[in-house]
Structures are given as structure tokens and as C-alpha cells.
Amino acid sequence: ANRDGTDDNRSWNCGEEGPTDDPAILGLRTRQRRNFLATLFLA
């Protein structure tokens, strides 16, 4: 019943929960993925 797993995800859906067709949200999500990856490899 969705009770398992942490609630402290420190996540952000960028404006809409789950899949979306909104190009602005999709673009922001792409940048955020790259931000995380760049921070990971350059740290």
C-alpha cells in the first residue's frame, strides 16, 4: 500500500508528476539529469 521505501527522496518532478508531454518540463528534466551527471563526474 505504498508504505515501503523512504519518503525522504529530495526529488522534484519539475512541474508535473510522472510522464508528461509538456516540452518545457521535459527540457527542464533533461537539464536536471545532466546537472546531476556533470556534478558527479566533475566533483
Full PDB file with SEQRES, HELIX, SHEET, SSBOND, CRYST1, ORIGX, SCALE, CONECT and MASTER records, all heavy atoms in Angstrom:
SEQRES   1 A   43  ALA ASN ARG ASP GLY THR ASP ASP ASN ARG SER TRP ASN          
SEQRES   2 A   43  CYS GLY GLU GLU GLY PRO THR ASP ASP PRO ALA ILE LEU          
SEQRES   3 A   43  GLY LEU ARG THR ARG GLN ARG ARG ASN PHE LEU ALA THR          
SEQRES   4 A   43  LEU PHE LEU ALA                                              
HELIX    1 AA1 PRO A   23  LEU A   42  1                                  20    
CRYST1    1.000    1.000    1.000  90.00  90.00  90.00 P 1           1          
ORIGX1      1.000000  0.000000  0.000000        0.00000                         
ORIGX2      0.000000  1.000000  0.000000        0.00000                         
ORIGX3      0.000000  0.000000  1.000000        0.00000                         
SCALE1      1.000000  0.000000  0.000000        0.00000                         
SCALE2      0.000000  1.000000  0.000000        0.00000                         
SCALE3      0.000000  0.000000  1.000000        0.00000                         
ATOM      1  N   ALA A   1       0.822  -1.213   0.000  1.00  0.00           N  
ATOM      2  CA  ALA A   1       0.000   0.000   0.000  1.00  0.00           C  
ATOM      3  C   ALA A   1       0.856   1.264   0.000  1.00  0.00           C  
ATOM      4  O   ALA A   1       0.499   2.272   0.615  1.00  0.00           O  
ATOM      5  CB  ALA A   1      -0.974  -0.001   1.189  1.00  0.00           C  
ATOM      6  N   ASN A   2       1.980   1.204  -0.687  1.00  0.00           N  
ATOM      7  CA  ASN A   2       2.894   2.347  -0.822  1.00  0.00           C  
ATOM      8  C   ASN A   2       3.501   2.803   0.505  1.00  0.00           C  
ATOM      9  O   ASN A   2       3.971   3.930   0.633  1.00  0.00           O  
ATOM     10  CB  ASN A   2       2.187   3.540  -1.493  1.00  0.00           C  
ATOM     11  CG  ASN A   2       3.160   4.443  -2.232  1.00  0.00           C  
ATOM     12  OD1 ASN A   2       4.124   3.983  -2.837  1.00  0.00           O  
ATOM     13  ND2 ASN A   2       2.913   5.742  -2.184  1.00  0.00           N  
ATOM     14  N   ARG A   3       3.523   1.901   1.495  1.00  0.00           N  
ATOM     15  CA  ARG A   3       4.113   2.265   2.788  1.00  0.00           C  
ATOM     16  C   ARG A   3       5.615   2.000   2.830  1.00  0.00           C  
ATOM     17  O   ARG A   3       6.318   2.553   3.669  1.00  0.00           O  
ATOM     18  CB  ARG A   3       3.435   1.482   3.923  1.00  0.00           C  
ATOM     19  CG  ARG A   3       1.985   1.861   4.174  1.00  0.00           C  
ATOM     20  CD  ARG A   3       1.471   1.182   5.432  1.00  0.00           C  
ATOM     21  NE  ARG A   3       1.526  -0.273   5.324  1.00  0.00           N  
ATOM     22  CZ  ARG A   3       0.538  -1.037   4.892  1.00  0.00           C  
ATOM     23  NH1 ARG A   3      -0.602  -0.467   4.512  1.00  0.00           N  
ATOM     24  NH2 ARG A   3       0.661  -2.353   4.828  1.00  0.00           N  
ATOM     25  N   ASP A   4       6.113   1.137   1.962  1.00  0.00           N  
ATOM     26  CA  ASP A   4       7.531   0.807   1.980  1.00  0.00           C  
ATOM     27  C   ASP A   4       8.330   1.864   1.229  1.00  0.00           C  
ATOM     28  O   ASP A   4       7.781   2.661   0.474  1.00  0.00           O  
ATOM     29  CB  ASP A   4       7.766  -0.568   1.347  1.00  0.00           C  
ATOM     30  CG  ASP A   4       7.396  -0.565  -0.130  1.00  0.00           C  
ATOM     31  OD1 ASP A   4       6.223  -0.269  -0.441  1.00  0.00           O  
ATOM     32  OD2 ASP A   4       8.286  -0.827  -0.964  1.00  0.00           O  
ATOM     33  N   GLY A   5       9.644   1.862   1.421  1.00  0.00           N  
ATOM     34  CA  GLY A   5      10.501   2.829   0.748  1.00  0.00           C  
ATOM     35  C   GLY A   5      10.520   4.156   1.474  1.00  0.00           C  
ATOM     36  O   GLY A   5       9.577   4.521   2.186  1.00  0.00           O  
ATOM     37  N   THR A   6      11.589   4.890   1.299  1.00  0.00           N  
ATOM     38  CA  THR A   6      11.740   6.151   2.012  1.00  0.00           C  
ATOM     39  C   THR A   6      10.824   7.233   1.468  1.00  0.00           C  
ATOM     40  O   THR A   6      10.448   7.218   0.283  1.00  0.00           O  
ATOM     41  CB  THR A   6      13.199   6.633   1.935  1.00  0.00           C  
ATOM     42  OG1 THR A   6      13.347   7.824   2.704  1.00  0.00           O  
ATOM     43  CG2 THR A   6      13.604   6.920   0.490  1.00  0.00           C  
ATOM     44  N   ASP A   7      10.455   8.166   2.329  1.00  0.00           N  
ATOM     45  CA  ASP A   7       9.725   9.356   1.906  1.00  0.00           C  
ATOM     46  C   ASP A   7      10.663  10.551   1.740  1.00  0.00           C  
ATOM     47  O   ASP A   7      10.245  11.607   1.270  1.00  0.00           O  
ATOM     48  CB  ASP A   7       8.631   9.697   2.921  1.00  0.00           C  
ATOM     49  CG  ASP A   7       7.522   8.653   2.938  1.00  0.00           C  
ATOM     50  OD1 ASP A   7       7.021   8.321   1.856  1.00  0.00           O  
ATOM     51  OD2 ASP A   7       7.175   8.166   4.032  1.00  0.00           O  
ATOM     52  N   ASP A   8      11.919  10.379   2.146  1.00  0.00           N  
ATOM     53  CA  ASP A   8      12.901  11.462   2.061  1.00  0.00           C  
ATOM     54  C   ASP A   8      13.688  11.307   0.763  1.00  0.00           C  
ATOM     55  O   ASP A   8      14.867  10.950   0.762  1.00  0.00           O  
ATOM     56  CB  ASP A   8      13.833  11.421   3.276  1.00  0.00           C  
ATOM     57  CG  ASP A   8      14.831  12.566   3.269  1.00  0.00           C  
ATOM     58  OD1 ASP A   8      14.545  13.594   2.623  1.00  0.00           O  
ATOM     59  OD2 ASP A   8      15.900  12.434   3.907  1.00  0.00           O  
ATOM     60  N   ASN A   9      13.027  11.617  -0.363  1.00  0.00           N  
ATOM     61  CA  ASN A   9      13.655  11.421  -1.667  1.00  0.00           C  
ATOM     62  C   ASN A   9      14.443  12.637  -2.146  1.00  0.00           C  
ATOM     63  O   ASN A   9      15.288  12.505  -3.023  1.00  0.00           O  
ATOM     64  CB  ASN A   9      12.584  11.090  -2.706  1.00  0.00           C  
ATOM     65  CG  ASN A   9      11.889   9.775  -2.423  1.00  0.00           C  
ATOM     66  OD1 ASN A   9      12.504   8.725  -2.516  1.00  0.00           O  
ATOM     67  ND2 ASN A   9      10.610   9.828  -2.083  1.00  0.00           N  
ATOM     68  N   ARG A  10      14.122  13.806  -1.621  1.00  0.00           N  
ATOM     69  CA  ARG A  10      14.770  15.052  -2.061  1.00  0.00           C  
ATOM     70  C   ARG A  10      14.706  15.175  -3.579  1.00  0.00           C  
ATOM     71  O   ARG A  10      15.666  15.590  -4.236  1.00  0.00           O  
ATOM     72  CB  ARG A  10      16.200  15.134  -1.544  1.00  0.00           C  
ATOM     73  CG  ARG A  10      16.264  15.033  -0.020  1.00  0.00           C  
ATOM     74  CD  ARG A  10      17.675  15.091   0.518  1.00  0.00           C  
ATOM     75  NE  ARG A  10      17.665  14.782   1.945  1.00  0.00           N  
ATOM     76  CZ  ARG A  10      18.268  15.514   2.877  1.00  0.00           C  
ATOM     77  NH1 ARG A  10      18.916  16.602   2.548  1.00  0.00           N  
ATOM     78  NH2 ARG A  10      18.220  15.143   4.138  1.00  0.00           N  
ATOM     79  N   SER A  11      13.583  14.768  -4.108  1.00  0.00           N  
ATOM     80  CA  SER A  11      13.368  14.789  -5.553  1.00  0.00           C  
ATOM     81  C   SER A  11      12.475  15.970  -5.927  1.00  0.00           C  
ATOM     82  O   SER A  11      11.903  16.640  -5.066  1.00  0.00           O  
ATOM     83  CB  SER A  11      12.716  13.476  -5.991  1.00  0.00           C  
ATOM     84  OG  SER A  11      11.455  13.306  -5.344  1.00  0.00           O  
ATOM     85  N   TRP A  12      12.362  16.207  -7.234  1.00  0.00           N  
ATOM     86  CA  TRP A  12      11.493  17.265  -7.748  1.00  0.00           C  
ATOM     87  C   TRP A  12      11.030  16.868  -9.134  1.00  0.00           C  
ATOM     88  O   TRP A  12      11.834  16.517  -9.989  1.00  0.00           O  
ATOM     89  CB  TRP A  12      12.239  18.600  -7.790  1.00  0.00           C  
ATOM     90  CG  TRP A  12      11.422  19.729  -8.339  1.00  0.00           C  
ATOM     91  CD1 TRP A  12      10.112  20.019  -8.079  1.00  0.00           C  
ATOM     92  CD2 TRP A  12      11.874  20.726  -9.263  1.00  0.00           C  
ATOM     93  NE1 TRP A  12       9.709  21.132  -8.773  1.00  0.00           N  
ATOM     94  CE2 TRP A  12      10.773  21.595  -9.505  1.00  0.00           C  
ATOM     95  CE3 TRP A  12      13.089  20.972  -9.900  1.00  0.00           C  
ATOM     96  CZ2 TRP A  12      10.869  22.675 -10.369  1.00  0.00           C  
ATOM     97  CZ3 TRP A  12      13.185  22.061 -10.765  1.00  0.00           C  
ATOM     98  CH2 TRP A  12      12.087  22.910 -10.983  1.00  0.00           C  
ATOM     99  N   ASN A  13       9.723  16.906  -9.336  1.00  0.00           N  
ATOM    100  CA  ASN A  13       9.166  16.440 -10.612  1.00  0.00           C  
ATOM    101  C   ASN A  13       9.209  17.492 -11.711  1.00  0.00           C  
ATOM    102  O   ASN A  13       8.741  17.244 -12.821  1.00  0.00           O  
ATOM    103  CB  ASN A  13       7.744  15.924 -10.422  1.00  0.00           C  
ATOM    104  CG  ASN A  13       6.758  17.006  -9.999  1.00  0.00           C  
ATOM    105  OD1 ASN A  13       7.016  18.201 -10.141  1.00  0.00           O  
ATOM    106  ND2 ASN A  13       5.610  16.591  -9.465  1.00  0.00           N  
ATOM    107  N   CYS A  14       9.723  18.670 -11.413  1.00  0.00           N  
ATOM    108  CA  CYS A  14       9.886  19.755 -12.396  1.00  0.00           C  
ATOM    109  C   CYS A  14       8.557  20.319 -12.885  1.00  0.00           C  
ATOM    110  O   CYS A  14       8.513  20.981 -13.934  1.00  0.00           O  
ATOM    111  CB  CYS A  14      10.739  19.307 -13.580  1.00  0.00           C  
ATOM    112  SG  CYS A  14      12.430  18.871 -13.137  1.00  0.00           S  
ATOM    113  N   GLY A  15       7.479  20.039 -12.173  1.00  0.00           N  
ATOM    114  CA  GLY A  15       6.214  20.683 -12.508  1.00  0.00           C  
ATOM    115  C   GLY A  15       5.045  19.771 -12.759  1.00  0.00           C  
ATOM    116  O   GLY A  15       3.894  20.220 -12.768  1.00  0.00           O  
ATOM    117  N   GLU A  16       5.296  18.491 -12.964  1.00  0.00           N  
ATOM    118  CA  GLU A  16       4.199  17.551 -13.193  1.00  0.00           C  
ATOM    119  C   GLU A  16       4.651  16.161 -12.760  1.00  0.00           C  
ATOM    120  O   GLU A  16       5.768  15.750 -13.060  1.00  0.00           O  
ATOM    121  CB  GLU A  16       3.789  17.548 -14.665  1.00  0.00           C  
ATOM    122  CG  GLU A  16       2.561  16.688 -14.971  1.00  0.00           C  
ATOM    123  CD  GLU A  16       2.101  16.831 -16.409  1.00  0.00           C  
ATOM    124  OE1 GLU A  16       2.378  17.879 -17.026  1.00  0.00           O  
ATOM    125  OE2 GLU A  16       1.471  15.882 -16.923  1.00  0.00           O  
ATOM    126  N   GLU A  17       3.800  15.444 -12.060  1.00  0.00           N  
ATOM    127  CA  GLU A  17       4.160  14.131 -11.528  1.00  0.00           C  
ATOM    128  C   GLU A  17       4.137  13.076 -12.629  1.00  0.00           C  
ATOM    129  O   GLU A  17       3.116  12.855 -13.287  1.00  0.00           O  
ATOM    130  CB  GLU A  17       3.197  13.735 -10.400  1.00  0.00           C  
ATOM    131  CG  GLU A  17       3.609  12.494  -9.621  1.00  0.00           C  
ATOM    132  CD  GLU A  17       4.751  12.754  -8.638  1.00  0.00           C  
ATOM    133  OE1 GLU A  17       5.320  13.858  -8.643  1.00  0.00           O  
ATOM    134  OE2 GLU A  17       5.066  11.843  -7.846  1.00  0.00           O  
ATOM    135  N   GLY A  18       5.274  12.430 -12.831  1.00  0.00           N  
ATOM    136  CA  GLY A  18       5.346  11.322 -13.768  1.00  0.00           C  
ATOM    137  C   GLY A  18       5.471  11.756 -15.216  1.00  0.00           C  
ATOM    138  O   GLY A  18       5.899  12.876 -15.528  1.00  0.00           O  
ATOM    139  N   PRO A  19       5.107  10.858 -16.140  1.00  0.00           N  
ATOM    140  CA  PRO A  19       5.252  11.149 -17.570  1.00  0.00           C  
ATOM    141  C   PRO A  19       4.471  12.394 -17.979  1.00  0.00           C  
ATOM    142  O   PRO A  19       3.407  12.698 -17.431  1.00  0.00           O  
ATOM    143  CB  PRO A  19       4.691   9.892 -18.250  1.00  0.00           C  
ATOM    144  CG  PRO A  19       4.814   8.813 -17.214  1.00  0.00           C  
ATOM    145  CD  PRO A  19       4.600   9.489 -15.896  1.00  0.00           C  
ATOM    146  N   THR A  20       5.009  13.113 -18.944  1.00  0.00           N  
ATOM    147  CA  THR A  20       4.360  14.330 -19.425  1.00  0.00           C  
ATOM    148  C   THR A  20       4.736  14.551 -20.879  1.00  0.00           C  
ATOM    149  O   THR A  20       5.762  14.050 -21.360  1.00  0.00           O  
ATOM    150  CB  THR A  20       4.791  15.551 -18.592  1.00  0.00           C  
ATOM    151  OG1 THR A  20       4.125  16.726 -19.073  1.00  0.00           O  
ATOM    152  CG2 THR A  20       6.297  15.769 -18.684  1.00  0.00           C  
ATOM    153  N   ASP A  21       3.906  15.342 -21.578  1.00  0.00           N  
ATOM    154  CA  ASP A  21       4.211  15.758 -22.947  1.00  0.00           C  
ATOM    155  C   ASP A  21       4.604  17.228 -23.003  1.00  0.00           C  
ATOM    156  O   ASP A  21       4.855  17.762 -24.090  1.00  0.00           O  
ATOM    157  CB  ASP A  21       2.994  15.532 -23.857  1.00  0.00           C  
ATOM    158  CG  ASP A  21       2.661  14.053 -24.005  1.00  0.00           C  
ATOM    159  OD1 ASP A  21       3.607  13.242 -24.029  1.00  0.00           O  
ATOM    160  OD2 ASP A  21       1.459  13.721 -24.089  1.00  0.00           O  
ATOM    161  N   ASP A  22       4.639  17.884 -21.866  1.00  0.00           N  
ATOM    162  CA  ASP A  22       4.949  19.310 -21.815  1.00  0.00           C  
ATOM    163  C   ASP A  22       6.415  19.522 -22.184  1.00  0.00           C  
ATOM    164  O   ASP A  22       7.317  19.083 -21.456  1.00  0.00           O  
ATOM    165  CB  ASP A  22       4.675  19.840 -20.410  1.00  0.00           C  
ATOM    166  CG  ASP A  22       4.786  21.359 -20.328  1.00  0.00           C  
ATOM    167  OD1 ASP A  22       5.736  21.909 -20.910  1.00  0.00           O  
ATOM    168  OD2 ASP A  22       3.945  21.985 -19.658  1.00  0.00           O  
ATOM    169  N   PRO A  23       6.701  20.197 -23.287  1.00  0.00           N  
ATOM    170  CA  PRO A  23       8.098  20.349 -23.719  1.00  0.00           C  
ATOM    171  C   PRO A  23       8.952  21.141 -22.738  1.00  0.00           C  
ATOM    172  O   PRO A  23      10.154  20.880 -22.615  1.00  0.00           O  
ATOM    173  CB  PRO A  23       7.979  21.062 -25.068  1.00  0.00           C  
ATOM    174  CG  PRO A  23       6.625  21.689 -25.078  1.00  0.00           C  
ATOM    175  CD  PRO A  23       5.751  20.824 -24.240  1.00  0.00           C  
ATOM    176  N   ALA A  24       8.372  22.109 -22.047  1.00  0.00           N  
ATOM    177  CA  ALA A  24       9.145  22.892 -21.081  1.00  0.00           C  
ATOM    178  C   ALA A  24       9.586  22.022 -19.914  1.00  0.00           C  
ATOM    179  O   ALA A  24      10.737  22.102 -19.453  1.00  0.00           O  
ATOM    180  CB  ALA A  24       8.319  24.076 -20.585  1.00  0.00           C  
ATOM    181  N   ILE A  25       8.683  21.178 -19.423  1.00  0.00           N  
ATOM    182  CA  ILE A  25       9.032  20.283 -18.319  1.00  0.00           C  
ATOM    183  C   ILE A  25      10.042  19.248 -18.769  1.00  0.00           C  
ATOM    184  O   ILE A  25      11.008  18.942 -18.058  1.00  0.00           O  
ATOM    185  CB  ILE A  25       7.762  19.618 -17.758  1.00  0.00           C  
ATOM    186  CG1 ILE A  25       6.856  20.659 -17.096  1.00  0.00           C  
ATOM    187  CG2 ILE A  25       8.115  18.505 -16.771  1.00  0.00           C  
ATOM    188  CD1 ILE A  25       5.537  20.114 -16.605  1.00  0.00           C  
ATOM    189  N   LEU A  26       9.858  18.707 -19.973  1.00  0.00           N  
ATOM    190  CA  LEU A  26      10.805  17.723 -20.489  1.00  0.00           C  
ATOM    191  C   LEU A  26      12.192  18.324 -20.640  1.00  0.00           C  
ATOM    192  O   LEU A  26      13.207  17.686 -20.330  1.00  0.00           O  
ATOM    193  CB  LEU A  26      10.307  17.167 -21.822  1.00  0.00           C  
ATOM    194  CG  LEU A  26       9.060  16.286 -21.766  1.00  0.00           C  
ATOM    195  CD1 LEU A  26       8.583  15.932 -23.173  1.00  0.00           C  
ATOM    196  CD2 LEU A  26       9.335  15.010 -20.976  1.00  0.00           C  
ATOM    197  N   GLY A  27      12.246  19.562 -21.116  1.00  0.00           N  
ATOM    198  CA  GLY A  27      13.533  20.230 -21.257  1.00  0.00           C  
ATOM    199  C   GLY A  27      14.207  20.465 -19.922  1.00  0.00           C  
ATOM    200  O   GLY A  27      15.427  20.289 -19.782  1.00  0.00           O  
ATOM    201  N   LEU A  28      13.426  20.878 -18.926  1.00  0.00           N  
ATOM    202  CA  LEU A  28      13.975  21.093 -17.585  1.00  0.00           C  
ATOM    203  C   LEU A  28      14.473  19.779 -16.994  1.00  0.00           C  
ATOM    204  O   LEU A  28      15.554  19.729 -16.380  1.00  0.00           O  
ATOM    205  CB  LEU A  28      12.907  21.717 -16.687  1.00  0.00           C  
ATOM    206  CG  LEU A  28      13.294  21.934 -15.221  1.00  0.00           C  
ATOM    207  CD1 LEU A  28      14.558  22.760 -15.086  1.00  0.00           C  
ATOM    208  CD2 LEU A  28      12.131  22.580 -14.464  1.00  0.00           C  
ATOM    209  N   ARG A  29      13.722  18.703 -17.174  1.00  0.00           N  
ATOM    210  CA  ARG A  29      14.160  17.406 -16.654  1.00  0.00           C  
ATOM    211  C   ARG A  29      15.472  16.960 -17.303  1.00  0.00           C  
ATOM    212  O   ARG A  29      16.348  16.418 -16.631  1.00  0.00           O  
ATOM    213  CB  ARG A  29      13.068  16.351 -16.877  1.00  0.00           C  
ATOM    214  CG  ARG A  29      11.847  16.521 -15.985  1.00  0.00           C  
ATOM    215  CD  ARG A  29      10.779  15.483 -16.305  1.00  0.00           C  
ATOM    216  NE  ARG A  29       9.626  15.625 -15.422  1.00  0.00           N  
ATOM    217  CZ  ARG A  29       8.517  14.901 -15.511  1.00  0.00           C  
ATOM    218  NH1 ARG A  29       8.411  13.957 -16.470  1.00  0.00           N  
ATOM    219  NH2 ARG A  29       7.515  15.092 -14.679  1.00  0.00           N  
ATOM    220  N   THR A  30      15.591  17.215 -18.602  1.00  0.00           N  
ATOM    221  CA  THR A  30      16.835  16.859 -19.280  1.00  0.00           C  
ATOM    222  C   THR A  30      18.005  17.631 -18.686  1.00  0.00           C  
ATOM    223  O   THR A  30      19.078  17.058 -18.431  1.00  0.00           O  
ATOM    224  CB  THR A  30      16.718  17.131 -20.787  1.00  0.00           C  
ATOM    225  OG1 THR A  30      15.692  16.298 -21.337  1.00  0.00           O  
ATOM    226  CG2 THR A  30      18.032  16.842 -21.496  1.00  0.00           C  
ATOM    227  N   ARG A  31      17.826  18.946 -18.467  1.00  0.00           N  
ATOM    228  CA  ARG A  31      18.899  19.741 -17.864  1.00  0.00           C  
ATOM    229  C   ARG A  31      19.234  19.246 -16.470  1.00  0.00           C  
ATOM    230  O   ARG A  31      20.408  19.158 -16.087  1.00  0.00           O  
ATOM    231  CB  ARG A  31      18.508  21.221 -17.795  1.00  0.00           C  
ATOM    232  CG  ARG A  31      18.493  21.925 -19.114  1.00  0.00           C  
ATOM    233  CD  ARG A  31      18.681  23.434 -18.968  1.00  0.00           C  
ATOM    234  NE  ARG A  31      17.760  24.074 -18.048  1.00  0.00           N  
ATOM    235  CZ  ARG A  31      16.502  24.396 -18.325  1.00  0.00           C  
ATOM    236  NH1 ARG A  31      15.995  24.111 -19.523  1.00  0.00           N  
ATOM    237  NH2 ARG A  31      15.740  24.998 -17.428  1.00  0.00           N  
ATOM    238  N   GLN A  32      18.228  18.892 -15.701  1.00  0.00           N  
ATOM    239  CA  GLN A  32      18.468  18.437 -14.335  1.00  0.00           C  
ATOM    240  C   GLN A  32      19.243  17.117 -14.324  1.00  0.00           C  
ATOM    241  O   GLN A  32      20.159  16.930 -13.512  1.00  0.00           O  
ATOM    242  CB  GLN A  32      17.141  18.287 -13.579  1.00  0.00           C  
ATOM    243  CG  GLN A  32      16.489  19.607 -13.200  1.00  0.00           C  
ATOM    244  CD  GLN A  32      17.235  20.315 -12.090  1.00  0.00           C  
ATOM    245  OE1 GLN A  32      18.300  20.897 -12.301  1.00  0.00           O  
ATOM    246  NE2 GLN A  32      16.698  20.259 -10.884  1.00  0.00           N  
ATOM    247  N   ARG A  33      18.893  16.202 -15.225  1.00  0.00           N  
ATOM    248  CA  ARG A  33      19.661  14.957 -15.297  1.00  0.00           C  
ATOM    249  C   ARG A  33      21.118  15.260 -15.625  1.00  0.00           C  
ATOM    250  O   ARG A  33      22.041  14.693 -15.014  1.00  0.00           O  
ATOM    251  CB  ARG A  33      19.077  14.018 -16.358  1.00  0.00           C  
ATOM    252  CG  ARG A  33      17.750  13.391 -15.995  1.00  0.00           C  
ATOM    253  CD  ARG A  33      17.423  12.204 -16.896  1.00  0.00           C  
ATOM    254  NE  ARG A  33      17.456  12.531 -18.311  1.00  0.00           N  
ATOM    255  CZ  ARG A  33      16.433  13.039 -18.999  1.00  0.00           C  
ATOM    256  NH1 ARG A  33      15.276  13.265 -18.383  1.00  0.00           N  
ATOM    257  NH2 ARG A  33      16.543  13.296 -20.297  1.00  0.00           N  
ATOM    258  N   ARG A  34      21.333  16.145 -16.567  1.00  0.00           N  
ATOM    259  CA  ARG A  34      22.702  16.490 -16.937  1.00  0.00           C  
ATOM    260  C   ARG A  34      23.425  17.221 -15.808  1.00  0.00           C  
ATOM    261  O   ARG A  34      24.632  17.042 -15.623  1.00  0.00           O  
ATOM    262  CB  ARG A  34      22.690  17.341 -18.207  1.00  0.00           C  
ATOM    263  CG  ARG A  34      22.251  16.565 -19.446  1.00  0.00           C  
ATOM    264  CD  ARG A  34      22.088  17.493 -20.630  1.00  0.00           C  
ATOM    265  NE  ARG A  34      21.658  16.757 -21.823  1.00  0.00           N  
ATOM    266  CZ  ARG A  34      21.106  17.327 -22.887  1.00  0.00           C  
ATOM    267  NH1 ARG A  34      20.909  18.641 -22.901  1.00  0.00           N  
ATOM    268  NH2 ARG A  34      20.748  16.596 -23.926  1.00  0.00           N  
ATOM    269  N   ASN A  35      22.698  18.053 -15.082  1.00  0.00           N  
ATOM    270  CA  ASN A  35      23.327  18.742 -13.947  1.00  0.00           C  
ATOM    271  C   ASN A  35      23.842  17.743 -12.918  1.00  0.00           C  
ATOM    272  O   ASN A  35      24.959  17.876 -12.400  1.00  0.00           O  
ATOM    273  CB  ASN A  35      22.325  19.686 -13.282  1.00  0.00           C  
ATOM    274  CG  ASN A  35      21.977  20.881 -14.138  1.00  0.00           C  
ATOM    275  OD1 ASN A  35      22.757  21.283 -15.017  1.00  0.00           O  
ATOM    276  ND2 ASN A  35      20.811  21.453 -13.923  1.00  0.00           N  
ATOM    277  N   PHE A  36      23.009  16.771 -12.617  1.00  0.00           N  
ATOM    278  CA  PHE A  36      23.422  15.750 -11.657  1.00  0.00           C  
ATOM    279  C   PHE A  36      24.621  14.956 -12.175  1.00  0.00           C  
ATOM    280  O   PHE A  36      25.571  14.683 -11.441  1.00  0.00           O  
ATOM    281  CB  PHE A  36      22.259  14.804 -11.356  1.00  0.00           C  
ATOM    282  CG  PHE A  36      21.208  15.381 -10.455  1.00  0.00           C  
ATOM    283  CD1 PHE A  36      19.871  15.384 -10.835  1.00  0.00           C  
ATOM    284  CD2 PHE A  36      21.541  15.902  -9.216  1.00  0.00           C  
ATOM    285  CE1 PHE A  36      18.890  15.912 -10.003  1.00  0.00           C  
ATOM    286  CE2 PHE A  36      20.569  16.429  -8.371  1.00  0.00           C  
ATOM    287  CZ  PHE A  36      19.245  16.445  -8.769  1.00  0.00           C  
ATOM    288  N   LEU A  37      24.567  14.578 -13.433  1.00  0.00           N  
ATOM    289  CA  LEU A  37      25.656  13.792 -14.008  1.00  0.00           C  
ATOM    290  C   LEU A  37      26.950  14.598 -14.067  1.00  0.00           C  
ATOM    291  O   LEU A  37      28.037  14.093 -13.739  1.00  0.00           O  
ATOM    292  CB  LEU A  37      25.274  13.310 -15.401  1.00  0.00           C  
ATOM    293  CG  LEU A  37      24.178  12.233 -15.454  1.00  0.00           C  
ATOM    294  CD1 LEU A  37      23.634  12.090 -16.870  1.00  0.00           C  
ATOM    295  CD2 LEU A  37      24.704  10.898 -14.949  1.00  0.00           C  
ATOM    296  N   ALA A  38      26.853  15.865 -14.472  1.00  0.00           N  
ATOM    297  CA  ALA A  38      28.043  16.705 -14.541  1.00  0.00           C  
ATOM    298  C   ALA A  38      28.631  16.928 -13.158  1.00  0.00           C  
ATOM    299  O   ALA A  38      29.858  16.872 -12.974  1.00  0.00           O  
ATOM    300  CB  ALA A  38      27.699  18.041 -15.200  1.00  0.00           C  
ATOM    301  N   THR A  39      27.791  17.175 -12.179  1.00  0.00           N  
ATOM    302  CA  THR A  39      28.282  17.349 -10.812  1.00  0.00           C  
ATOM    303  C   THR A  39      28.963  16.084 -10.330  1.00  0.00           C  
ATOM    304  O   THR A  39      29.977  16.141  -9.619  1.00  0.00           O  
ATOM    305  CB  THR A  39      27.122  17.720  -9.876  1.00  0.00           C  
ATOM    306  OG1 THR A  39      26.437  18.870 -10.389  1.00  0.00           O  
ATOM    307  CG2 THR A  39      27.633  18.032  -8.476  1.00  0.00           C  
ATOM    308  N   LEU A  40      28.429  14.929 -10.711  1.00  0.00           N  
ATOM    309  CA  LEU A  40      29.007  13.658 -10.296  1.00  0.00           C  
ATOM    310  C   LEU A  40      30.398  13.457 -10.890  1.00  0.00           C  
ATOM    311  O   LEU A  40      31.347  13.093 -10.181  1.00  0.00           O  
ATOM    312  CB  LEU A  40      28.081  12.513 -10.724  1.00  0.00           C  
ATOM    313  CG  LEU A  40      28.540  11.094 -10.407  1.00  0.00           C  
ATOM    314  CD1 LEU A  40      28.590  10.875  -8.904  1.00  0.00           C  
ATOM    315  CD2 LEU A  40      27.619  10.071 -11.055  1.00  0.00           C  
ATOM    316  N   PHE A  41      30.563  13.698 -12.174  1.00  0.00           N  
ATOM    317  CA  PHE A  41      31.824  13.405 -12.844  1.00  0.00           C  
ATOM    318  C   PHE A  41      32.881  14.489 -12.628  1.00  0.00           C  
ATOM    319  O   PHE A  41      34.075  14.212 -12.749  1.00  0.00           O  
ATOM    320  CB  PHE A  41      31.599  13.186 -14.338  1.00  0.00           C  
ATOM    321  CG  PHE A  41      31.182  11.786 -14.689  1.00  0.00           C  
ATOM    322  CD1 PHE A  41      29.850  11.395 -14.621  1.00  0.00           C  
ATOM    323  CD2 PHE A  41      32.122  10.842 -15.074  1.00  0.00           C  
ATOM    324  CE1 PHE A  41      29.456  10.109 -14.931  1.00  0.00           C  
ATOM    325  CE2 PHE A  41      31.743   9.549 -15.391  1.00  0.00           C  
ATOM    326  CZ  PHE A  41      30.401   9.172 -15.321  1.00  0.00           C  
ATOM    327  N   LEU A  42      32.460  15.702 -12.304  1.00  0.00           N  
ATOM    328  CA  LEU A  42      33.422  16.788 -12.148  1.00  0.00           C  
ATOM    329  C   LEU A  42      33.784  17.050 -10.695  1.00  0.00           C  
ATOM    330  O   LEU A  42      34.675  17.857 -10.413  1.00  0.00           O  
ATOM    331  CB  LEU A  42      32.877  18.071 -12.789  1.00  0.00           C  
ATOM    332  CG  LEU A  42      32.534  17.968 -14.281  1.00  0.00           C  
ATOM    333  CD1 LEU A  42      32.082  19.312 -14.814  1.00  0.00           C  
ATOM    334  CD2 LEU A  42      33.709  17.435 -15.091  1.00  0.00           C  
ATOM    335  N   ALA A  43      33.122  16.374  -9.759  1.00  0.00           N  
ATOM    336  CA  ALA A  43      33.443  16.545  -8.338  1.00  0.00           C  
ATOM    337  C   ALA A  43      34.683  15.739  -7.985  1.00  0.00           C  
ATOM    338  O   ALA A  43      34.954  14.684  -8.569  1.00  0.00           O  
ATOM    339  CB  ALA A  43      32.263  16.106  -7.476  1.00  0.00           C  
TER     340      ALA A  43                                                      
MASTER        0    0    0    1    0    0    0    6  339    1    0    4          
END                                                                             
